[in-house]
C-alpha cells in the first residue's frame, strides 16, 4: 500500500502521488512550499504510517555535508592521549557517526529527513551528490567503505531561500506543496479541532483567507499559524461575530499577533482599514 496520509496529516492527491513516486524510484523527495505548510510533518507522518524510524538532520547555515557522514573527534583523542587513556589506540573510538551513516546502517528501512537544505552553503547539496545517489561513502581514518544495507526513504525540505544546483535537482523527485484551499483547510482544521463550532470555523476561515489576500503582505499567515490562532480563539471564547466585517469594511482580526508576524504587515493592514473607513 502506498502513502495516503494519516489521521493527523491530510495529504493532497498530488502529494500522495509524489511520495509514492519517490519511493518507487528510490530517489530523494524534494519538498518545497511556504513555511508552515507541513513539509517537516510529512516526514514524521510518513515514518509513522510505515511504522519505521525517522532520522532527522536539521540543517543550519553552518552545517557541512561531512557532518552527515561522520566526524573525527581529534580533540578528544588528543586529550585522552595526554591522560593515558587506552581508548586512544583505536581511532574508531573517535569517529562520530552522522545521520546518513545512521540511516545507512538501520535494521529497518528508515525515513531520513534532511530539513531546510537551503539554509546551508550553496555547495552543501553538491557535496552530498554521490552519497545520496550511490548510498555509500568512505571513511578515510579507518579505511572503511560504508554502504547502505537498504536505501532509506529520503525527504528533503526547502523554503526556497536560495536556488539549489541543477545537478542536485536532477537526482530528486520534486513536489511543491500548494497552499490549501478553503475545503482542504477545513479538513486540516478538523484534524486539530474536531468539535469546533461550524459558525466559528467559517468566520475564522473567511477572515484568514481575506487576510492572506491583502496585497503587499511581506509574510502571509500559514497553516500552522491558523491552527495557533484557532486555539487562541477557542481558549478566549471569541464569538464568530467578532471575526466578521461590519458594514463590509475591513477590520483587523482579534489576536492578530498569531497571524501577522512583522510590523510592516501590521502597519499595512491598519492603513488599509483606515482607507476603507474613510
Protein backbone atom coordinates (compact mmCIF):
# COMPACT_ATOMS: atom_id res chain seq x y z
CA UNK A 1 0.00 0.00 0.00
CA UNK A 2 1.19 3.49 -0.82
CA UNK A 3 1.16 6.57 1.37
CA UNK A 4 -2.29 8.17 1.57
CA UNK A 5 -1.80 10.48 4.53
CA UNK A 6 -2.67 9.72 8.15
CA UNK A 7 -5.27 10.66 10.72
CA UNK A 8 -3.00 13.56 11.74
CA UNK A 9 -1.90 14.62 8.27
CA UNK A 10 -4.14 15.50 5.33
CA UNK A 11 -2.18 14.88 2.14
CA UNK A 12 -3.48 16.10 -1.22
CA UNK A 13 -3.77 13.62 -4.09
CA UNK A 14 -0.76 15.26 -5.78
CA UNK A 15 1.37 14.96 -2.64
CA UNK A 16 0.41 11.30 -2.23
CA UNK A 17 1.48 10.61 -5.81
CA UNK A 18 4.78 12.43 -5.26
CA UNK A 19 5.65 10.48 -2.12
CA UNK A 20 4.83 7.13 -3.69
CA UNK A 21 6.67 8.00 -6.92
CA UNK A 22 9.83 8.92 -4.99
CA UNK A 23 9.65 5.66 -3.03
CA UNK A 24 9.18 3.66 -6.24
CA UNK A 25 12.06 5.44 -8.00
CA UNK A 26 14.23 5.22 -4.86
CA UNK A 27 15.10 8.88 -5.22
CA UNK A 28 15.06 11.67 -2.62
CA UNK A 29 11.80 13.60 -2.49
CA UNK A 30 12.47 17.34 -2.57
CA UNK A 31 9.57 19.20 -0.97
CA UNK A 32 9.11 22.95 -1.31
CA UNK A 33 6.32 25.21 -0.15
CA UNK A 34 5.52 28.14 2.08
CA UNK A 35 6.80 27.88 5.67
CA UNK A 36 4.16 26.24 7.84
CA UNK A 37 2.60 24.07 5.14
CA UNK A 38 3.61 20.77 6.75
CA UNK A 39 6.83 19.86 4.94
CA UNK A 40 8.62 18.59 8.04
CA UNK A 41 5.47 16.98 9.39
CA UNK A 42 5.19 14.98 6.16
CA UNK A 43 8.36 13.04 7.02
CA UNK A 44 7.16 12.46 10.57
CA UNK A 45 3.79 11.12 9.45
CA UNK A 46 5.30 9.05 6.63
CA UNK A 47 7.57 7.30 9.13
CA UNK A 48 4.60 6.74 11.43
CA UNK A 49 2.47 5.32 8.63
CA UNK A 50 5.25 2.91 7.65
CA UNK A 51 5.95 2.02 11.29
CA UNK A 52 9.63 2.81 10.90
CA UNK A 53 12.23 5.13 12.41
CA UNK A 54 12.53 8.79 11.49
CA UNK A 55 16.11 10.08 11.37
CA UNK A 56 16.15 13.88 11.33
CA UNK A 57 19.02 16.05 10.13
CA UNK A 58 18.13 19.70 10.71
CA UNK A 59 20.33 21.93 8.56
CA UNK A 60 21.78 25.23 9.76
CA UNK A 61 23.81 27.90 7.98
CA UNK A 62 27.00 26.38 9.47
CA UNK A 63 26.19 22.75 8.64
CA UNK A 64 28.69 20.91 6.44
CA UNK A 65 27.92 17.85 4.34
CA UNK A 66 30.68 15.88 6.06
CA UNK A 67 28.75 16.10 9.34
CA UNK A 68 26.02 13.98 7.81
CA UNK A 69 28.53 11.21 7.14
CA UNK A 70 30.83 11.28 10.16
CA UNK A 71 33.21 13.48 12.13
CA UNK A 72 36.64 12.66 13.53
CA UNK A 73 36.96 13.96 17.10
CA UNK A 74 40.68 14.74 17.12
CA UNK A 75 40.38 16.99 20.20
CA UNK A 76 39.03 14.15 22.38
CA UNK A 77 41.74 11.82 21.13
CA UNK A 78 44.45 14.35 21.97
CA UNK A 79 43.01 14.83 25.45
CA UNK A 80 42.80 11.08 26.05
CA UNK A 81 46.39 10.61 24.88
CA UNK A 82 47.53 13.21 27.42
CA UNK A 83 45.62 11.37 30.14
CA UNK A 84 46.99 7.98 29.11
CA UNK A 85 43.57 6.55 28.21
CA UNK A 86 43.77 3.16 26.46
CA UNK A 87 40.93 4.17 24.09
CA UNK A 88 43.39 6.34 22.19
CA UNK A 89 44.91 3.30 20.44
CA UNK A 90 41.71 2.63 18.46
CA UNK A 91 40.77 5.53 16.21
CA UNK A 92 37.24 4.12 15.84
CA UNK A 93 36.52 5.40 19.36
CA UNK A 94 36.75 8.93 17.97
CA UNK A 95 34.61 8.54 14.86
CA UNK A 96 31.19 10.16 15.43
CA UNK A 97 28.57 8.76 13.09
CA UNK A 98 26.38 11.24 11.20
CA UNK A 99 22.72 10.98 10.26
CA UNK A 100 23.42 9.41 6.85
CA UNK A 101 25.63 6.74 8.39
CA UNK A 102 22.89 6.07 10.95
CA UNK A 103 20.29 5.76 8.16
CA UNK A 104 22.55 3.54 6.03
CA UNK A 105 23.01 1.03 8.86
CA UNK A 106 19.46 0.97 10.22
CA UNK A 107 17.98 -2.50 10.71
CA UNK A 108 14.68 -1.43 9.16
CA UNK A 109 14.37 0.90 6.17
CA UNK A 110 14.05 4.34 7.83
CA UNK A 111 12.79 7.72 6.70
CA UNK A 112 15.67 10.21 6.55
CA UNK A 113 14.66 13.86 6.79
CA UNK A 114 17.14 16.48 5.57
CA UNK A 115 15.29 19.55 6.80
CA UNK A 116 15.67 23.04 5.26
CA UNK A 117 18.59 22.20 2.99
CA UNK A 118 18.53 25.72 1.54
CA UNK A 119 19.84 27.14 4.84
CA UNK A 120 23.29 25.69 4.21
CA UNK A 121 26.06 26.92 1.95
CA UNK A 122 25.38 26.70 -1.80
CA UNK A 123 27.91 23.87 -2.15
CA UNK A 124 26.21 21.73 0.51
CA UNK A 125 23.80 19.91 -1.86
CA UNK A 126 26.59 19.19 -4.38
CA UNK A 127 28.76 17.76 -1.62
CA UNK A 128 26.10 15.10 -1.00
CA UNK A 129 25.52 14.09 -4.63
CA UNK A 130 27.50 10.85 -4.57
CA UNK A 131 26.34 9.77 -1.13
CA UNK A 132 22.64 10.27 -1.91
CA UNK A 133 22.98 8.72 -5.36
CA UNK A 134 25.14 5.70 -4.57
CA UNK A 135 24.17 5.42 -0.89
CA UNK A 136 27.78 4.85 0.12
CA UNK A 137 30.87 6.70 1.34
CA UNK A 138 34.43 6.08 2.50
CA UNK A 139 35.84 6.62 6.00
CA UNK A 140 39.48 7.62 5.43
CA UNK A 141 40.54 7.43 9.08
CA UNK A 142 39.55 3.76 9.43
CA UNK A 143 39.71 2.85 5.72
CA UNK A 144 36.15 1.54 5.85
CA UNK A 145 33.68 1.53 2.99
CA UNK A 146 30.17 2.25 4.33
CA UNK A 147 27.31 1.18 2.07
CA UNK A 148 23.60 1.26 2.84
CA UNK A 149 22.14 -2.17 3.58
CA UNK A 150 18.85 -0.80 2.19
CA UNK A 151 18.10 2.59 0.70
CA UNK A 152 16.41 4.90 3.22
CA UNK A 153 13.41 6.94 2.14
CA UNK A 154 14.87 10.44 1.88
CA UNK A 155 12.70 13.53 2.35
CA UNK A 156 14.43 16.88 1.70
CA UNK A 157 12.68 20.15 2.52
CA UNK A 158 13.42 23.64 1.26
CA UNK A 159 11.87 27.05 1.94
CA UNK A 160 13.26 28.45 -1.33
CA UNK A 161 15.72 30.74 0.46
CA UNK A 162 18.25 30.02 -2.28
CA UNK A 163 18.37 28.13 -5.57
CA UNK A 164 19.58 24.53 -5.48
CA UNK A 165 22.16 23.27 -8.04
CA UNK A 166 20.84 21.60 -11.20
CA UNK A 167 22.98 18.51 -10.65
CA UNK A 168 21.32 18.03 -7.27
CA UNK A 169 17.81 18.65 -8.62
CA UNK A 170 18.28 16.00 -11.32
CA UNK A 171 18.67 13.36 -8.63
CA UNK A 172 15.45 14.27 -6.82
CA UNK A 173 11.74 13.85 -7.36
CA UNK A 174 10.24 17.29 -6.85
CA UNK A 175 6.94 18.44 -5.38
CA UNK A 176 5.70 21.89 -4.42
CA UNK A 177 3.02 21.86 -1.71
CA UNK A 178 0.33 24.26 -2.87
CA UNK A 179 -1.34 26.26 -0.14
CA UNK A 180 -4.62 24.54 0.80
CA UNK A 181 -7.89 25.97 -0.46
CA UNK A 182 -10.77 26.52 1.94
CA UNK A 183 -12.15 22.99 1.60
CA UNK A 184 -8.75 21.37 2.22
CA UNK A 185 -8.19 23.75 5.11
CA UNK A 186 -11.48 22.65 6.70
CA UNK A 187 -10.22 19.06 6.64
CA UNK A 188 -6.90 20.09 8.20
CA UNK A 189 -8.62 22.12 10.92
CA UNK A 190 -10.98 19.22 11.64
CA UNK A 191 -7.96 17.04 12.48
CA UNK A 192 -6.90 19.52 15.19
CA UNK A 193 -10.34 20.77 16.30
CA UNK A 194 -12.94 18.09 15.58
CA UNK A 195 -15.53 19.80 17.83
CA UNK A 196 -15.07 23.36 16.58
CA UNK A 197 -18.37 25.19 16.14
CA UNK A 198 -19.22 25.49 12.41
CA UNK A 199 -20.01 29.22 12.62
CA UNK A 200 -16.67 29.99 14.27
CA UNK A 201 -14.84 27.86 11.71
CA UNK A 202 -16.49 29.61 8.76
CA UNK A 203 -15.89 33.06 10.20
CA UNK A 204 -12.28 32.23 11.03
CA UNK A 205 -11.54 30.78 7.60
CA UNK A 206 -13.13 33.76 5.84
CA UNK A 207 -11.11 36.19 7.95
CA UNK A 208 -7.92 34.14 7.46
CA UNK A 209 -8.15 33.90 3.67
CA UNK A 210 -9.15 37.55 3.39
CA UNK A 211 -6.04 38.41 5.34
CA UNK A 212 -3.88 36.27 3.04
CA UNK A 213 -5.38 38.06 0.04
CA UNK A 214 -4.26 41.50 1.25
CA UNK A 215 -1.87 42.76 -1.46
CA UNK A 216 1.64 43.64 -0.34
CA UNK A 217 1.90 41.41 2.74
CA UNK A 218 5.52 40.60 3.47
CA UNK A 219 4.62 37.30 5.15
CA UNK A 220 1.28 35.67 4.58
CA UNK A 221 -0.06 33.68 7.54
CA UNK A 222 0.46 29.93 7.18
CA UNK A 223 -1.48 26.82 8.09
CA UNK A 224 0.38 26.36 11.36
CA UNK A 225 -0.39 29.97 12.29
CA UNK A 226 -4.07 29.43 11.55
CA UNK A 227 -4.06 26.46 13.93
CA UNK A 228 -2.42 28.59 16.65
CA UNK A 229 -4.96 31.37 16.06
CA UNK A 230 -7.92 28.99 16.30
CA UNK A 231 -6.51 27.58 19.53
CA UNK A 232 -6.47 31.11 20.96
CA UNK A 233 -9.98 31.88 19.69
CA UNK A 234 -11.30 28.77 21.43
CA UNK A 235 -9.34 29.45 24.63
CA UNK A 236 -10.58 33.06 24.79
CA UNK A 237 -14.12 32.06 23.74
CA UNK A 238 -14.17 34.63 20.92
CA UNK A 239 -17.61 34.67 19.24
CA UNK A 240 -17.89 34.33 15.44
CA UNK A 241 -19.39 37.83 15.24
CA UNK A 242 -16.08 39.32 16.40
CA UNK A 243 -14.39 37.94 13.26
CA UNK A 244 -16.93 39.23 10.76
CA UNK A 245 -16.53 42.55 8.98
CA UNK A 246 -19.15 45.17 9.81
CA UNK A 247 -20.71 47.18 7.00
CA UNK A 248 -18.41 45.42 4.52
CA UNK A 249 -15.44 47.38 5.85
CA UNK A 250 -12.04 45.89 6.61
CA UNK A 251 -11.30 45.13 10.25
CA UNK A 252 -8.26 43.75 11.98
CA UNK A 253 -8.98 40.30 13.48
CA UNK A 254 -8.72 39.74 17.24
CA UNK A 255 -5.48 38.16 18.49
CA UNK A 256 -3.89 39.06 15.14
CA UNK A 257 -0.43 38.56 16.64
CA UNK A 258 -0.82 34.86 15.89
CA UNK A 259 -1.23 35.65 12.18
CA UNK A 260 0.78 38.79 11.41
CA UNK A 261 4.42 38.43 12.37
CA UNK A 262 6.10 41.71 11.46
CA UNK A 263 5.40 45.40 11.97
CA UNK A 264 5.33 46.20 8.22
CA UNK A 265 2.34 43.90 7.69
CA UNK A 266 0.53 45.31 10.72
CA UNK A 267 1.07 48.88 9.51
CA UNK A 268 -0.08 47.90 6.02
CA UNK A 269 -3.25 46.31 7.36
CA UNK A 270 -4.01 49.28 9.61
CA UNK A 271 -3.55 51.63 6.64
CA UNK A 272 -5.97 49.60 4.52
CA UNK A 273 -8.53 49.62 7.35
CA UNK A 274 -8.18 53.41 7.69
CA UNK A 275 -8.70 53.89 3.95
CA UNK A 276 -11.73 51.57 3.93
CA UNK A 277 -13.40 53.52 6.75
CA UNK A 278 -12.99 56.96 5.19
